[in-house]
Amino acid sequence: MQKLNLNFNNTFRNNLPCDPIEETYPRQVEHAAYSQAMPINVKQPKTIIVATEVAELFNFTNEFINSEDFEQIFTGNQLIEGMEPYAMCYGGFQFGNWAGQLGDGRAINLGEVITEKHGSQTLQLKGSGPTPYSRTADGFAVLRSSVREFLCSEAMYHLGIPTTRALSLCLTGEHVVRDIMYDGNAKPELGAVVCRVSPSFMRFGSIQLPAMRRDLELLTQLVNYSITHDFPTLLAQNIEQGKEPVIDKDVYLAWFDQICDTTCDLVVHWMRVGFVHGVMNTDNMSLIGETIDFGPYGWIDNFDLSWTPNTTDSQNRRYRFGAQADVSLWNLCQLANAIIPLVGSTEELQTKVESYSAMYAKKWYEMMMQKLGLTSTLPQPEQQTKETDITLCKNLEALLSEIETDMTIFYRLLASYNFKDANINTLTKDKLIKHFTPCYYDINQVTDAYIEKLALWMNQYQERFAAENYDNTTRAIKMNQVNPKFVLRNYLSQQAIDKAENGDFSEIKQLHALLKNPYDEQPEFEQYAGKRPDWAKNKVGCSMLSCSS
């Protein structure tokens, strides 16, 4: 075996209490941050794809990536020196209700590695077997969900959105029985393992579980660890002054404040590209503001603020596209409740959560201005300009919602529209519709009344753009830097999955390649930039996804 120079420091294991029971069976784990857990050996590991940029974090060579050793290690068959596998203990609110202990039911952390340029990075196998937190499940993962995890992790990264990364996707040679839609039609599917990578896999639920159990000692240990490991700048001032880093009430509040900021930034990014997480339970919310746990997610095709990809959420639509900011606030409120014993009062925490909506509105406005190629600092009375701009953005959302309009394609077409006329008059309406036709799912919905509204909005947009004092080409460049041409549409993932289940992994590799440059034109991949086909509108895996997806 090639020698791997990985510098494991395993700070989570070394600084937090461990479950004293070593056996793997479902149980409630008290007064511990994690349990020891070993991956299960699999029959015939096979590497499907490796994200070379992630491999470079660890200085893995191509020789190692293409070796049998790589397959054995990253399916869990073989451990190397420094790996001390464990599963994390946490709880969570699921669909608004406290679910108690949850934990890593099908994820096993191999260990934390100190990298040269990117600090501490945890290697985690998803789908490598049961842990004490698996409850009645088997701890394994199927190929279809693993393909979605691998591709989405890397797609989000290249879109510029904070996310866990995916190092590798491997087959196990085993079959796993799953009931994809929970309708009694269980069947064996190909098993797979994804190796996930992140500086920290701690979640809101990591803090909430000891708080709900009134375990103040463990609560303090976990929050203090999060601060020292993932938010060291909060202690930097004391360290620079040669003082011992003291974690007190002010530090706890600053920690919570940063989590509010990064969570807000994350959701604004999701809204920018049309991503719907689908299951924003608090156990799926990262303390460091990364997108984590890619289950029943989806990118909206036609713009619909009420759309959810999660069939479990189809009735109440708690996690619908347009509700993600509200849900993030609700989740932050639950995190605030959890740290009240550390802060000692609710007043400062209340102030911070009450300011969240205003912070989100400000960041949403700035993001929408970027999508439209506009600035938010014109030399006009600020209040008047901002109110006018917000109205322009809200009117656009109403327009996109009126008929089935592909959001991703619309913004790219808007960027390429050349404003030559003084206004959008009757003579240019035909040109307008011809230009935007590729983004409409049903051209019969484009009525005269709709055309009038579109022309009115375009006139307002043109007037606002004229005040920017730059040309159409510059505007297009600015817009195309934040409005992707390519996103991981659900039907594209499903086509890759269908091929992979028949032994053809070419589509996984093709999608992985094109999604590395989602803002570029890439004419060789033009067929991947089109609207969702009609056959995919109601197909399982394309528009209908369960938590088993």
Protein backbone atom coordinates (compact mmCIF):
# COMPACT_ATOMS: atom_id res chain seq x y z
CA MET A 1 0.00 0.00 0.00
CA GLN A 2 1.16 3.52 -0.86
CA LYS A 3 2.13 5.44 2.27
CA LEU A 4 -0.35 8.23 3.00
CA ASN A 5 1.01 11.20 4.86
CA LEU A 6 -2.23 12.18 6.56
CA ASN A 7 -1.91 14.14 9.77
CA PHE A 8 -4.85 13.02 11.92
CA ASN A 9 -5.52 15.03 15.05
CA ASN A 10 -9.10 13.87 15.83
CA THR A 11 -9.93 16.80 18.09
CA PHE A 12 -13.64 15.94 18.35
CA ARG A 13 -12.84 12.51 19.80
CA ASN A 14 -9.98 13.76 21.94
CA ASN A 15 -11.79 16.70 23.52
CA LEU A 16 -15.33 15.45 24.07
CA PRO A 17 -16.81 12.60 26.11
CA CYS A 18 -17.28 9.21 24.47
CA ASP A 19 -20.11 6.72 24.93
CA PRO A 20 -18.52 4.04 27.17
CA ILE A 21 -20.39 1.18 25.46
CA GLU A 22 -18.41 -0.18 22.52
CA GLU A 23 -21.01 -2.54 21.05
CA THR A 24 -23.11 -1.37 18.11
CA TYR A 25 -26.81 -1.68 18.89
CA PRO A 26 -29.60 0.93 18.96
CA ARG A 27 -29.74 2.79 22.25
CA GLN A 28 -30.08 6.14 23.95
CA VAL A 29 -26.63 7.60 24.52
CA GLU A 30 -26.41 9.89 27.53
CA HIS A 31 -23.64 12.32 28.56
CA ALA A 32 -21.58 11.63 25.42
CA ALA A 33 -20.88 13.51 22.19
CA TYR A 34 -20.20 10.38 20.15
CA SER A 35 -19.99 6.61 20.09
CA GLN A 36 -17.32 4.39 18.62
CA ALA A 37 -18.51 2.84 15.37
CA MET A 38 -16.80 0.63 12.82
CA PRO A 39 -17.70 0.47 9.13
CA ILE A 40 -18.97 -2.90 7.91
CA ASN A 41 -16.77 -4.76 5.42
CA VAL A 42 -18.37 -5.02 1.98
CA LYS A 43 -17.99 -7.68 -0.70
CA GLN A 44 -16.74 -5.93 -3.78
CA PRO A 45 -15.86 -2.25 -3.48
CA LYS A 46 -15.54 -0.33 -6.73
CA THR A 47 -14.77 3.35 -7.23
CA ILE A 48 -17.22 5.09 -9.57
CA ILE A 49 -15.88 8.64 -9.40
CA VAL A 50 -13.50 10.81 -7.36
CA ALA A 51 -13.66 14.61 -7.10
CA THR A 52 -10.03 15.41 -7.86
CA GLU A 53 -10.25 18.91 -6.31
CA VAL A 54 -11.27 17.34 -2.99
CA ALA A 55 -8.56 14.69 -3.31
CA GLU A 56 -6.04 17.50 -3.73
CA LEU A 57 -6.94 18.79 -0.25
CA PHE A 58 -5.26 15.65 1.08
CA ASN A 59 -2.49 15.50 -1.56
CA PHE A 60 -3.79 12.18 -2.88
CA THR A 61 -1.95 11.11 -6.02
CA ASN A 62 -3.63 9.74 -9.13
CA GLU A 63 -1.87 6.46 -8.48
CA PHE A 64 -3.54 6.19 -5.08
CA ILE A 65 -6.95 7.34 -6.36
CA ASN A 66 -6.88 4.60 -8.99
CA SER A 67 -5.68 1.92 -6.60
CA GLU A 68 -7.47 -0.91 -4.85
CA ASP A 69 -6.33 0.58 -1.55
CA PHE A 70 -8.45 3.68 -2.24
CA GLU A 71 -11.54 1.51 -2.82
CA GLN A 72 -10.90 -0.48 0.33
CA ILE A 73 -10.35 2.59 2.53
CA PHE A 74 -13.22 4.71 1.28
CA THR A 75 -15.83 1.99 1.48
CA GLY A 76 -14.74 1.20 5.05
CA ASN A 77 -13.02 -2.13 4.46
CA GLN A 78 -9.63 -0.90 5.58
CA LEU A 79 -8.45 1.64 8.13
CA ILE A 80 -5.12 3.45 8.01
CA GLU A 81 -3.05 4.72 10.89
CA GLY A 82 -4.76 7.62 12.65
CA MET A 83 -8.32 6.68 11.74
CA GLU A 84 -10.51 6.30 14.84
CA PRO A 85 -14.08 5.85 13.55
CA TYR A 86 -17.01 7.28 15.46
CA ALA A 87 -20.64 8.36 15.04
CA MET A 88 -21.88 11.67 16.44
CA CYS A 89 -24.75 11.99 18.90
CA TYR A 90 -27.31 14.75 18.28
CA GLY A 91 -31.03 15.40 18.25
CA GLY A 92 -33.34 17.61 16.28
CA PHE A 93 -36.70 19.16 15.53
CA GLN A 94 -38.24 17.37 12.57
CA PHE A 95 -41.11 19.12 10.78
CA GLY A 96 -41.50 21.38 13.81
CA ASN A 97 -41.64 18.66 16.46
CA TRP A 98 -38.91 17.56 18.85
CA ALA A 99 -37.74 14.11 17.71
CA GLY A 100 -35.32 13.40 20.55
CA GLN A 101 -32.03 11.64 19.91
CA LEU A 102 -31.18 11.11 16.24
CA GLY A 103 -27.43 11.01 15.58
CA ASP A 104 -25.32 9.60 12.75
CA GLY A 105 -27.50 6.67 11.76
CA ARG A 106 -25.69 5.91 8.52
CA ALA A 107 -22.60 8.09 8.73
CA ILE A 108 -19.27 7.15 10.31
CA ASN A 109 -16.49 9.68 10.76
CA LEU A 110 -13.09 8.19 9.96
CA GLY A 111 -11.18 11.05 11.56
CA GLU A 112 -10.01 14.65 11.25
CA VAL A 113 -7.05 15.47 9.04
CA ILE A 114 -4.95 18.65 9.25
CA THR A 115 -4.45 19.79 5.66
CA GLU A 116 -1.75 22.18 4.45
CA LYS A 117 -4.03 24.89 3.07
CA HIS A 118 -7.53 24.21 4.35
CA GLY A 119 -7.12 23.45 8.04
CA SER A 120 -8.96 20.59 9.69
CA GLN A 121 -11.09 18.40 7.42
CA THR A 122 -13.18 15.46 8.63
CA LEU A 123 -13.48 12.38 6.41
CA GLN A 124 -16.89 10.76 6.80
CA LEU A 125 -18.37 7.67 5.16
CA LYS A 126 -22.09 7.79 4.44
CA GLY A 127 -23.70 4.39 3.99
CA SER A 128 -21.03 2.25 5.62
CA GLY A 129 -23.18 0.40 8.14
CA PRO A 130 -25.11 0.68 11.40
CA THR A 131 -24.24 2.77 14.43
CA PRO A 132 -25.90 3.07 17.85
CA TYR A 133 -28.02 5.81 16.25
CA SER A 134 -29.40 3.74 13.36
CA ARG A 135 -32.54 2.86 15.31
CA THR A 136 -34.40 0.32 13.15
CA ALA A 137 -32.44 1.12 9.97
CA ASP A 138 -29.44 -0.75 8.56
CA GLY A 139 -27.05 2.17 8.19
CA PHE A 140 -26.40 1.52 4.51
CA ALA A 141 -27.10 3.68 1.46
CA VAL A 142 -28.28 2.90 -2.04
CA LEU A 143 -26.70 4.02 -5.28
CA ARG A 144 -29.45 6.44 -6.27
CA SER A 145 -29.27 8.53 -3.07
CA SER A 146 -25.48 8.37 -3.12
CA VAL A 147 -25.32 9.69 -6.69
CA ARG A 148 -27.54 12.59 -5.67
CA GLU A 149 -25.36 13.30 -2.62
CA PHE A 150 -22.09 13.22 -4.57
CA LEU A 151 -23.29 15.36 -7.49
CA CYS A 152 -25.14 17.93 -5.39
CA SER A 153 -22.26 18.44 -2.95
CA GLU A 154 -19.91 19.27 -5.78
CA ALA A 155 -22.49 21.25 -7.77
CA MET A 156 -23.15 23.49 -4.76
CA TYR A 157 -19.43 24.09 -4.25
CA HIS A 158 -18.88 25.19 -7.84
CA LEU A 159 -21.93 27.46 -7.63
CA GLY A 160 -20.09 29.27 -4.83
CA ILE A 161 -22.40 28.05 -2.07
CA PRO A 162 -21.05 26.82 1.31
CA THR A 163 -21.42 23.05 1.40
CA THR A 164 -20.01 19.78 2.59
CA ARG A 165 -17.85 18.26 -0.15
CA ALA A 166 -17.80 14.77 -1.64
CA LEU A 167 -14.48 13.02 -2.16
CA SER A 168 -15.69 9.80 -3.71
CA LEU A 169 -18.61 7.62 -4.73
CA CYS A 170 -18.09 3.86 -4.55
CA LEU A 171 -20.18 0.76 -5.07
CA THR A 172 -20.12 -1.87 -2.31
CA GLY A 173 -21.04 -4.99 -4.27
CA GLU A 174 -23.95 -5.45 -1.83
CA HIS A 175 -27.69 -4.99 -2.27
CA VAL A 176 -29.80 -2.91 0.10
CA VAL A 177 -33.58 -3.20 0.41
CA ARG A 178 -35.43 0.11 0.20
CA ASP A 179 -39.04 1.27 -0.19
CA ILE A 180 -38.41 4.45 -2.19
CA MET A 181 -41.88 5.99 -1.81
CA TYR A 182 -42.88 4.24 1.45
CA ASP A 183 -45.79 2.58 -0.34
CA GLY A 184 -45.03 -1.07 0.42
CA ASN A 185 -43.02 -1.69 -2.74
CA ALA A 186 -39.62 -2.43 -1.20
CA LYS A 187 -36.97 -3.90 -3.45
CA PRO A 188 -33.22 -4.61 -3.38
CA GLU A 189 -31.02 -1.86 -4.80
CA LEU A 190 -27.31 -1.44 -5.41
CA GLY A 191 -25.43 -0.34 -2.29
CA ALA A 192 -22.97 2.56 -2.34
CA VAL A 193 -20.83 4.73 -0.06
CA VAL A 194 -20.02 8.43 -0.37
CA CYS A 195 -17.03 9.90 1.41
CA ARG A 196 -18.05 13.34 2.64
CA VAL A 197 -15.63 16.05 3.73
CA SER A 198 -16.15 19.09 5.95
CA PRO A 199 -14.32 21.12 8.59
CA SER A 200 -17.19 20.23 10.94
CA PHE A 201 -20.27 18.02 10.85
CA MET A 202 -21.77 19.58 13.99
CA ARG A 203 -25.41 20.59 13.63
CA PHE A 204 -27.94 22.72 15.49
CA GLY A 205 -29.15 19.41 16.93
CA SER A 206 -25.71 18.73 18.43
CA ILE A 207 -26.40 21.57 20.85
CA GLN A 208 -30.13 21.01 21.24
CA LEU A 209 -29.98 17.42 22.48
CA PRO A 210 -27.99 18.06 25.70
CA ALA A 211 -30.04 21.23 26.27
CA MET A 212 -33.32 19.31 26.08
CA ARG A 213 -31.86 16.70 28.43
CA ARG A 214 -30.71 19.46 30.81
CA ASP A 215 -27.16 18.12 30.57
CA LEU A 216 -25.44 21.45 31.23
CA GLU A 217 -21.96 19.93 31.40
CA LEU A 218 -22.18 18.34 27.94
CA LEU A 219 -23.95 21.40 26.52
CA THR A 220 -21.07 23.61 27.70
CA GLN A 221 -18.46 21.21 26.36
CA LEU A 222 -20.05 21.05 22.91
CA VAL A 223 -20.57 24.79 22.51
CA ASN A 224 -17.07 25.53 23.80
CA TYR A 225 -15.65 22.98 21.36
CA SER A 226 -17.57 24.54 18.48
CA ILE A 227 -16.20 27.97 19.40
CA THR A 228 -12.56 26.92 19.78
CA HIS A 229 -12.53 24.56 16.78
CA ASP A 230 -14.74 26.35 14.23
CA PHE A 231 -14.92 29.98 15.42
CA PRO A 232 -11.40 30.65 16.77
CA THR A 233 -11.51 34.32 15.74
CA LEU A 234 -13.97 34.89 18.59
CA LEU A 235 -11.08 34.20 20.96
CA ALA A 236 -8.36 35.85 18.87
CA GLN A 237 -8.33 39.18 20.72
CA ASN A 238 -7.52 37.58 24.07
CA ILE A 239 -4.88 35.36 22.50
CA GLU A 240 -3.22 38.34 20.76
CA GLN A 241 -3.03 40.11 24.11
CA GLY A 242 -1.33 37.10 25.63
CA LYS A 243 -4.35 36.24 27.78
CA GLU A 244 -5.98 32.90 28.33
CA PRO A 245 -8.94 32.58 25.94
CA VAL A 246 -11.98 32.94 28.21
CA ILE A 247 -15.33 31.78 26.89
CA ASP A 248 -17.99 33.87 28.59
CA LYS A 249 -21.45 35.24 27.88
CA ASP A 250 -20.18 37.74 25.32
CA VAL A 251 -18.40 35.00 23.38
CA TYR A 252 -21.50 32.80 23.41
CA LEU A 253 -23.56 35.68 22.02
CA ALA A 254 -20.94 36.43 19.36
CA TRP A 255 -20.92 32.73 18.41
CA PHE A 256 -24.69 32.72 18.00
CA ASP A 257 -24.50 35.98 16.06
CA GLN A 258 -22.06 34.45 13.57
CA ILE A 259 -24.26 31.39 13.13
CA CYS A 260 -27.19 33.72 12.35
CA ASP A 261 -25.05 35.54 9.76
CA THR A 262 -23.76 32.43 8.00
CA THR A 263 -27.18 30.75 8.04
CA CYS A 264 -28.73 33.84 6.49
CA ASP A 265 -26.03 33.97 3.81
CA LEU A 266 -26.61 30.29 3.03
CA VAL A 267 -30.36 30.62 2.52
CA VAL A 268 -29.91 33.72 0.35
CA HIS A 269 -27.55 31.67 -1.83
CA TRP A 270 -30.16 28.90 -2.09
CA MET A 271 -32.76 31.42 -3.22
CA ARG A 272 -30.34 32.90 -5.74
CA VAL A 273 -29.94 29.64 -7.65
CA GLY A 274 -33.41 28.17 -7.00
CA PHE A 275 -32.31 25.40 -4.61
CA VAL A 276 -34.81 23.81 -2.22
CA HIS A 277 -33.25 21.79 0.59
CA GLY A 278 -36.47 19.88 1.20
CA VAL A 279 -35.88 18.83 4.81
CA MET A 280 -34.62 21.73 6.93
CA ASN A 281 -34.91 19.89 10.22
CA THR A 282 -32.52 21.20 12.86
CA ASP A 283 -30.42 18.05 12.66
CA ASN A 284 -29.81 19.02 9.01
CA MET A 285 -28.61 22.55 9.79
CA SER A 286 -24.84 23.03 10.00
CA LEU A 287 -23.36 25.16 12.77
CA ILE A 288 -20.73 26.45 10.32
CA GLY A 289 -23.29 27.48 7.71
CA GLU A 290 -22.75 24.75 5.13
CA THR A 291 -25.38 22.99 3.07
CA ILE A 292 -25.52 19.53 4.61
CA ASP A 293 -27.53 16.30 4.16
CA PHE A 294 -28.70 16.09 0.56
CA GLY A 295 -31.92 14.10 0.75
CA PRO A 296 -35.16 15.15 -0.97
CA TYR A 297 -33.65 18.33 -2.41
CA GLY A 298 -34.37 19.92 -5.77
CA TRP A 299 -33.83 22.91 -8.00
CA ILE A 300 -37.02 24.61 -9.05
CA ASP A 301 -37.73 24.41 -12.77
CA ASN A 302 -40.74 26.65 -13.18
CA PHE A 303 -40.60 29.44 -10.60
CA ASP A 304 -42.92 28.46 -7.74
CA LEU A 305 -42.41 29.78 -4.21
CA SER A 306 -44.73 27.07 -2.85
CA TRP A 307 -42.89 24.11 -4.41
CA THR A 308 -41.32 21.41 -2.27
CA PRO A 309 -39.49 18.38 -3.64
CA ASN A 310 -40.25 16.34 -0.50
CA THR A 311 -43.31 14.07 -0.75
CA THR A 312 -43.37 13.82 3.06
CA ASP A 313 -43.89 17.60 3.08
CA SER A 314 -46.39 17.73 0.21
CA GLN A 315 -49.41 18.51 2.38
CA ASN A 316 -48.13 21.23 4.73
CA ARG A 317 -45.20 22.43 2.54
CA ARG A 318 -43.28 23.52 5.59
CA TYR A 319 -40.00 23.41 3.68
CA ARG A 320 -41.22 24.91 0.41
CA PHE A 321 -38.93 27.14 -1.65
CA GLY A 322 -40.36 30.45 -0.48
CA ALA A 323 -40.42 29.47 3.21
CA GLN A 324 -36.74 28.65 3.64
CA ALA A 325 -35.89 32.01 5.24
CA ASP A 326 -38.74 31.67 7.76
CA VAL A 327 -37.74 28.11 8.58
CA SER A 328 -34.11 29.12 9.11
CA LEU A 329 -35.30 31.75 11.59
CA TRP A 330 -37.48 29.19 13.40
CA ASN A 331 -34.49 26.84 13.61
CA LEU A 332 -32.27 29.61 14.95
CA CYS A 333 -34.88 30.34 17.63
CA GLN A 334 -34.64 26.73 18.78
CA LEU A 335 -30.85 27.01 18.88
CA ALA A 336 -31.16 30.22 20.90
CA ASN A 337 -33.42 28.42 23.37
CA ALA A 338 -30.80 25.72 23.75
CA ILE A 339 -28.04 28.10 24.86
CA ILE A 340 -30.10 30.13 27.35
CA PRO A 341 -28.46 28.21 30.24
CA LEU A 342 -25.05 29.43 29.01
CA VAL A 343 -26.08 33.03 28.39
CA GLY A 344 -28.17 33.34 31.54
CA SER A 345 -30.93 35.48 30.04
CA THR A 346 -33.08 35.73 26.96
CA GLU A 347 -32.96 39.47 26.26
CA GLU A 348 -29.83 39.57 24.06
CA LEU A 349 -30.78 36.39 22.22
CA GLN A 350 -34.26 37.75 21.60
CA THR A 351 -32.75 40.90 20.10
CA LYS A 352 -30.59 38.86 17.75
CA VAL A 353 -33.39 36.64 16.44
CA GLU A 354 -35.72 39.64 16.07
CA SER A 355 -33.15 41.32 13.82
CA TYR A 356 -32.78 38.23 11.60
CA SER A 357 -35.69 38.98 9.28
CA ALA A 358 -34.39 42.48 8.61
CA MET A 359 -30.91 41.07 7.92
CA TYR A 360 -32.35 38.50 5.52
CA ALA A 361 -34.44 41.14 3.73
CA LYS A 362 -31.33 43.30 3.25
CA LYS A 363 -29.23 40.42 1.93
CA TRP A 364 -32.06 39.17 -0.28
CA TYR A 365 -32.39 42.64 -1.79
CA GLU A 366 -28.65 42.85 -2.46
CA MET A 367 -28.72 39.39 -4.03
CA MET A 368 -31.66 40.27 -6.29
CA MET A 369 -29.89 43.42 -7.43
CA GLN A 370 -26.92 41.28 -8.43
CA LYS A 371 -29.18 38.87 -10.32
CA LEU A 372 -30.57 41.84 -12.26
CA GLY A 373 -27.13 43.30 -12.93
CA LEU A 374 -27.91 46.36 -10.85
CA THR A 375 -26.23 48.10 -7.93
CA SER A 376 -27.93 49.08 -4.70
CA THR A 377 -26.02 52.33 -4.19
CA LEU A 378 -27.16 54.78 -6.86
CA PRO A 379 -26.67 58.51 -6.10
CA GLN A 380 -30.36 59.08 -5.36
CA PRO A 381 -32.31 59.39 -2.11
CA GLU A 382 -31.48 55.97 -0.65
CA GLN A 383 -34.92 55.12 0.73
CA GLN A 384 -36.67 56.01 -2.51
CA THR A 385 -34.25 53.95 -4.60
CA LYS A 386 -34.42 50.89 -2.34
CA GLU A 387 -38.21 50.90 -2.14
CA THR A 388 -38.43 51.21 -5.92
CA ASP A 389 -35.90 48.41 -6.36
CA ILE A 390 -37.71 46.09 -3.96
CA THR A 391 -40.96 46.71 -5.82
CA LEU A 392 -39.17 45.87 -9.08
CA CYS A 393 -37.93 42.57 -7.59
CA LYS A 394 -41.29 41.63 -6.06
CA ASN A 395 -43.06 42.42 -9.32
CA LEU A 396 -40.65 40.15 -11.14
CA GLU A 397 -41.36 37.27 -8.75
CA ALA A 398 -45.09 37.79 -9.31
CA LEU A 399 -44.51 37.78 -13.06
CA LEU A 400 -42.44 34.59 -12.95
CA SER A 401 -45.13 32.94 -10.82
CA GLU A 402 -48.01 33.89 -13.12
CA ILE A 403 -47.23 31.28 -15.77
CA GLU A 404 -44.83 28.33 -15.76
CA THR A 405 -41.52 30.10 -16.31
CA ASP A 406 -38.14 28.41 -15.95
CA MET A 407 -36.25 30.59 -13.49
CA THR A 408 -32.73 29.55 -14.50
CA ILE A 409 -33.33 30.11 -18.21
CA PHE A 410 -35.25 33.36 -17.67
CA TYR A 411 -32.35 35.13 -15.96
CA ARG A 412 -29.87 34.05 -18.63
CA LEU A 413 -32.26 35.32 -21.33
CA LEU A 414 -32.76 38.57 -19.45
CA ALA A 415 -28.99 39.02 -19.40
CA SER A 416 -28.77 38.60 -23.18
CA TYR A 417 -31.69 40.92 -23.99
CA ASN A 418 -30.36 43.96 -25.84
CA PHE A 419 -32.16 47.16 -24.86
CA LYS A 420 -32.01 49.20 -28.07
CA ASP A 421 -35.43 50.80 -27.97
CA ALA A 422 -36.39 53.73 -25.78
CA ASN A 423 -39.19 51.61 -24.38
CA ILE A 424 -40.92 48.30 -24.95
CA ASN A 425 -43.69 49.43 -27.27
CA THR A 426 -46.21 47.47 -29.33
CA LEU A 427 -43.79 47.04 -32.22
CA THR A 428 -41.19 45.30 -30.02
CA LYS A 429 -43.53 43.01 -28.06
CA ASP A 430 -43.23 40.29 -30.69
CA LYS A 431 -39.46 40.49 -30.34
CA LEU A 432 -39.85 40.30 -26.56
CA ILE A 433 -41.92 37.12 -26.63
CA LYS A 434 -39.69 35.51 -29.24
CA HIS A 435 -36.68 36.21 -27.04
CA PHE A 436 -38.21 34.70 -23.87
CA THR A 437 -40.09 31.77 -25.44
CA PRO A 438 -37.35 29.23 -24.46
CA CYS A 439 -38.12 29.76 -20.75
CA TYR A 440 -41.88 29.07 -20.96
CA TYR A 441 -43.21 25.58 -20.32
CA ASP A 442 -46.53 26.19 -22.07
CA ILE A 443 -46.57 28.89 -24.72
CA ASN A 444 -50.37 28.85 -24.63
CA GLN A 445 -50.16 30.49 -21.20
CA VAL A 446 -48.51 33.54 -22.78
CA THR A 447 -51.68 35.60 -23.18
CA ASP A 448 -52.03 39.22 -24.31
CA ALA A 449 -52.57 40.20 -20.67
CA TYR A 450 -49.36 38.47 -19.65
CA ILE A 451 -47.44 40.14 -22.49
CA GLU A 452 -48.64 43.53 -21.28
CA LYS A 453 -47.36 42.79 -17.78
CA LEU A 454 -44.04 41.54 -19.10
CA ALA A 455 -43.62 44.63 -21.27
CA LEU A 456 -44.48 46.90 -18.35
CA TRP A 457 -41.92 45.21 -16.11
CA MET A 458 -39.27 45.32 -18.85
CA ASN A 459 -39.86 49.05 -19.25
CA GLN A 460 -39.39 49.55 -15.51
CA TYR A 461 -36.27 47.41 -15.56
CA GLN A 462 -34.90 49.28 -18.57
CA GLU A 463 -35.40 52.64 -16.84
CA ARG A 464 -33.59 51.35 -13.75
CA PHE A 465 -30.79 49.87 -15.83
CA ALA A 466 -30.34 53.16 -17.72
CA ALA A 467 -29.41 54.85 -14.44
CA GLU A 468 -26.45 52.46 -14.01
CA ASN A 469 -24.54 54.11 -16.84
CA TYR A 470 -23.06 50.98 -18.43
CA ASP A 471 -23.88 49.00 -21.55
CA ASN A 472 -25.79 45.78 -22.24
CA THR A 473 -22.59 43.74 -22.55
CA THR A 474 -21.34 44.80 -19.12
CA ARG A 475 -24.75 44.09 -17.61
CA ALA A 476 -24.78 40.59 -19.16
CA ILE A 477 -21.34 39.81 -17.77
CA LYS A 478 -22.38 40.91 -14.27
CA MET A 479 -25.62 38.92 -14.40
CA ASN A 480 -24.04 35.74 -15.74
CA GLN A 481 -21.60 35.69 -12.84
CA VAL A 482 -24.43 35.08 -10.35
CA ASN A 483 -27.13 33.44 -12.52
CA PRO A 484 -25.99 29.93 -13.47
CA LYS A 485 -26.67 28.46 -16.87
CA PHE A 486 -26.40 24.91 -15.53
CA VAL A 487 -27.92 23.54 -12.34
CA LEU A 488 -28.42 19.95 -11.19
CA ARG A 489 -32.01 19.58 -12.30
CA ASN A 490 -33.67 16.55 -10.76
CA TYR A 491 -34.36 14.90 -14.09
CA LEU A 492 -30.65 15.11 -14.99
CA SER A 493 -29.74 13.34 -11.76
CA GLN A 494 -32.37 10.69 -12.41
CA GLN A 495 -31.09 10.01 -15.92
CA ALA A 496 -27.60 9.53 -14.48
CA ILE A 497 -29.00 7.21 -11.80
CA ASP A 498 -30.95 5.13 -14.34
CA LYS A 499 -27.79 4.57 -16.37
CA ALA A 500 -25.67 3.88 -13.30
CA GLU A 501 -28.06 1.21 -12.06
CA ASN A 502 -27.41 -0.55 -15.37
CA GLY A 503 -23.64 -0.28 -14.98
CA ASP A 504 -23.08 2.85 -17.07
CA PHE A 505 -21.46 5.63 -15.02
CA SER A 506 -20.72 7.96 -17.94
CA GLU A 507 -23.59 10.34 -17.17
CA ILE A 508 -22.44 10.81 -13.57
CA LYS A 509 -19.02 11.80 -14.87
CA GLN A 510 -20.52 14.05 -17.55
CA LEU A 511 -22.68 15.93 -15.04
CA HIS A 512 -19.78 16.24 -12.63
CA ALA A 513 -17.65 17.77 -15.40
CA LEU A 514 -20.17 20.32 -16.69
CA LEU A 515 -21.25 21.42 -13.19
CA LYS A 516 -17.69 22.52 -12.41
CA ASN A 517 -18.34 25.60 -14.56
CA PRO A 518 -22.04 26.35 -14.05
CA TYR A 519 -21.82 30.03 -15.05
CA ASP A 520 -19.99 29.45 -18.34
CA GLU A 521 -21.73 28.98 -21.69
CA GLN A 522 -20.14 25.56 -22.39
CA PRO A 523 -21.78 25.10 -25.83
CA GLU A 524 -20.67 21.46 -25.89
CA PHE A 525 -23.13 20.83 -23.01
CA GLU A 526 -26.02 22.89 -24.39
CA GLN A 527 -28.48 19.99 -24.13
CA TYR A 528 -28.12 20.11 -20.33
CA ALA A 529 -29.28 23.73 -20.15
CA GLY A 530 -32.82 23.20 -21.44
CA LYS A 531 -36.14 23.11 -19.63
CA ARG A 532 -37.37 20.07 -17.72
CA PRO A 533 -38.95 17.72 -20.27
CA ASP A 534 -42.66 16.97 -19.97
CA TRP A 535 -42.06 13.32 -19.07
CA ALA A 536 -40.19 14.42 -15.92
CA LYS A 537 -42.88 16.67 -14.48
CA ASN A 538 -44.45 14.01 -12.27
CA LYS A 539 -41.87 11.22 -12.41
CA VAL A 540 -40.51 9.71 -9.21
CA GLY A 541 -36.95 10.94 -8.73
CA CYS A 542 -37.57 14.03 -10.88
CA SER A 543 -40.33 15.92 -9.10
CA MET A 544 -41.33 13.43 -6.40
CA LEU A 545 -38.68 12.61 -3.81
CA SER A 546 -38.93 10.98 -0.42
CA CYS A 547 -36.56 11.14 2.52
CA SER A 548 -35.27 7.82 1.15
CA SER A 549 -34.12 9.60 -2.01
